[in-house]
Amino acid sequence: MKSFFEGIQSLFVDFLFLPMDWLRELELTNWWTANILNWIFIIICCAAMTYWIKQLNIFNANKEDEQDTTAHSFLK
């Protein structure tokens, strides 16, 4: 049973975490390149939030959005 868990450890430490080790070493030389994946996710989230807010404004301008607080029966 011990060899099974050592095999899992070897899989993660020696193979699956190699990209993380590379990014950790890269951070010492260039912080911006090491965090490029984070910047990509931030840009995607900003674009999605901008699109969402734009759609909310479109529905609000067309009066399609229900703003009544008693829209649900449990709030009456």
C-alpha atoms as a PDB file:
ATOM      1  CA  MET A   1       0.000   0.000   0.000  1.00  0.00           C
ATOM      2  CA  LYS A   2       2.918   2.326   0.707  1.00  0.00           C
ATOM      3  CA  SER A   3       4.228   1.917  -2.835  1.00  0.00           C
ATOM      4  CA  PHE A   4       0.807   2.927  -4.203  1.00  0.00           C
ATOM      5  CA  PHE A   5       0.935   6.283  -2.425  1.00  0.00           C
ATOM      6  CA  GLU A   6       4.589   6.743  -3.370  1.00  0.00           C
ATOM      7  CA  GLY A   7       3.560   6.162  -6.986  1.00  0.00           C
ATOM      8  CA  ILE A   8       0.910   8.900  -6.699  1.00  0.00           C
ATOM      9  CA  GLN A   9       3.524  11.188  -5.143  1.00  0.00           C
ATOM     10  CA  SER A  10       5.953  10.448  -7.957  1.00  0.00           C
ATOM     11  CA  LEU A  11       3.271  11.146 -10.582  1.00  0.00           C
ATOM     12  CA  PHE A  12       2.455  14.559  -9.178  1.00  0.00           C
ATOM     13  CA  VAL A  13       5.912  15.712  -8.065  1.00  0.00           C
ATOM     14  CA  ASP A  14       7.928  14.397 -11.001  1.00  0.00           C
ATOM     15  CA  PHE A  15       5.478  14.954 -13.863  1.00  0.00           C
ATOM     16  CA  LEU A  16       2.296  16.944 -13.240  1.00  0.00           C
ATOM     17  CA  PHE A  17       3.852  19.786 -11.223  1.00  0.00           C
ATOM     18  CA  LEU A  18       6.773  20.380 -13.619  1.00  0.00           C
ATOM     19  CA  PRO A  19       5.039  23.366 -15.281  1.00  0.00           C
ATOM     20  CA  MET A  20       4.535  24.935 -11.849  1.00  0.00           C
ATOM     21  CA  ASP A  21       8.218  24.468 -11.040  1.00  0.00           C
ATOM     22  CA  TRP A  22       9.107  26.106 -14.345  1.00  0.00           C
ATOM     23  CA  LEU A  23       6.830  29.079 -13.590  1.00  0.00           C
ATOM     24  CA  ARG A  24       8.327  29.417 -10.110  1.00  0.00           C
ATOM     25  CA  GLU A  25      11.833  29.591 -11.574  1.00  0.00           C
ATOM     26  CA  LEU A  26      10.690  31.956 -14.328  1.00  0.00           C
ATOM     27  CA  GLU A  27       9.276  34.374 -11.770  1.00  0.00           C
ATOM     28  CA  LEU A  28      12.777  35.101 -10.511  1.00  0.00           C
ATOM     29  CA  THR A  29      13.796  36.403 -13.931  1.00  0.00           C
ATOM     30  CA  ASN A  30      10.588  37.938 -15.336  1.00  0.00           C
ATOM     31  CA  TRP A  31       7.491  38.451 -13.196  1.00  0.00           C
ATOM     32  CA  TRP A  32       5.263  39.544 -16.096  1.00  0.00           C
ATOM     33  CA  THR A  33       5.906  36.414 -18.143  1.00  0.00           C
ATOM     34  CA  ALA A  34       5.416  34.133 -15.163  1.00  0.00           C
ATOM     35  CA  ASN A  35       1.982  35.652 -14.519  1.00  0.00           C
ATOM     36  CA  ILE A  36       0.785  35.751 -18.137  1.00  0.00           C
ATOM     37  CA  LEU A  37      -1.890  33.125 -17.440  1.00  0.00           C
ATOM     38  CA  ASN A  38      -3.304  35.266 -14.638  1.00  0.00           C
ATOM     39  CA  TRP A  39      -3.389  38.308 -16.912  1.00  0.00           C
ATOM     40  CA  ILE A  40      -5.252  36.318 -19.566  1.00  0.00           C
ATOM     41  CA  PHE A  41      -7.885  35.260 -17.020  1.00  0.00           C
ATOM     42  CA  ILE A  42      -8.237  38.844 -15.788  1.00  0.00           C
ATOM     43  CA  ILE A  43      -8.791  40.089 -19.352  1.00  0.00           C
ATOM     44  CA  ILE A  44     -11.392  37.368 -20.011  1.00  0.00           C
ATOM     45  CA  CYS A  45     -13.234  38.216 -16.776  1.00  0.00           C
ATOM     46  CA  CYS A  46     -13.217  41.943 -17.579  1.00  0.00           C
ATOM     47  CA  ALA A  47     -14.593  41.279 -21.062  1.00  0.00           C
ATOM     48  CA  ALA A  48     -17.315  39.000 -19.682  1.00  0.00           C
ATOM     49  CA  MET A  49     -18.313  41.546 -17.033  1.00  0.00           C
ATOM     50  CA  THR A  50     -18.434  44.335 -19.629  1.00  0.00           C
ATOM     51  CA  TYR A  51     -20.650  42.222 -21.884  1.00  0.00           C
ATOM     52  CA  TRP A  52     -22.913  41.289 -18.963  1.00  0.00           C
ATOM     53  CA  ILE A  53     -23.343  44.907 -17.838  1.00  0.00           C
ATOM     54  CA  LYS A  54     -24.038  45.959 -21.433  1.00  0.00           C
ATOM     55  CA  GLN A  55     -26.771  43.311 -21.705  1.00  0.00           C
ATOM     56  CA  LEU A  56     -28.275  44.425 -18.381  1.00  0.00           C
ATOM     57  CA  ASN A  57     -28.455  48.000 -19.670  1.00  0.00           C
ATOM     58  CA  ILE A  58     -30.179  46.824 -22.860  1.00  0.00           C
ATOM     59  CA  PHE A  59     -32.841  44.956 -20.866  1.00  0.00           C
ATOM     60  CA  ASN A  60     -33.247  47.904 -18.514  1.00  0.00           C
ATOM     61  CA  ALA A  61     -33.713  50.331 -21.429  1.00  0.00           C
ATOM     62  CA  ASN A  62     -36.388  48.072 -22.988  1.00  0.00           C
ATOM     63  CA  LYS A  63     -38.193  47.758 -19.630  1.00  0.00           C
ATOM     64  CA  GLU A  64     -37.944  43.959 -19.891  1.00  0.00           C
ATOM     65  CA  ASP A  65     -36.366  43.613 -16.464  1.00  0.00           C
ATOM     66  CA  GLU A  66     -38.746  42.964 -13.564  1.00  0.00           C
ATOM     67  CA  GLN A  67     -37.763  45.423 -10.828  1.00  0.00           C
ATOM     68  CA  ASP A  68     -40.691  44.728  -8.488  1.00  0.00           C
ATOM     69  CA  THR A  69     -39.609  43.415  -5.089  1.00  0.00           C
ATOM     70  CA  THR A  70     -42.814  41.354  -4.848  1.00  0.00           C
ATOM     71  CA  ALA A  71     -42.004  39.405  -7.991  1.00  0.00           C
ATOM     72  CA  HIS A  72     -41.657  36.279  -5.848  1.00  0.00           C
ATOM     73  CA  SER A  73     -44.526  34.943  -3.822  1.00  0.00           C
ATOM     74  CA  PHE A  74     -42.441  34.528  -0.665  1.00  0.00           C
ATOM     75  CA  LEU A  75     -41.630  38.280  -0.604  1.00  0.00           C
ATOM     76  CA  LYS A  76     -45.281  39.395  -0.284  1.00  0.00           C
END
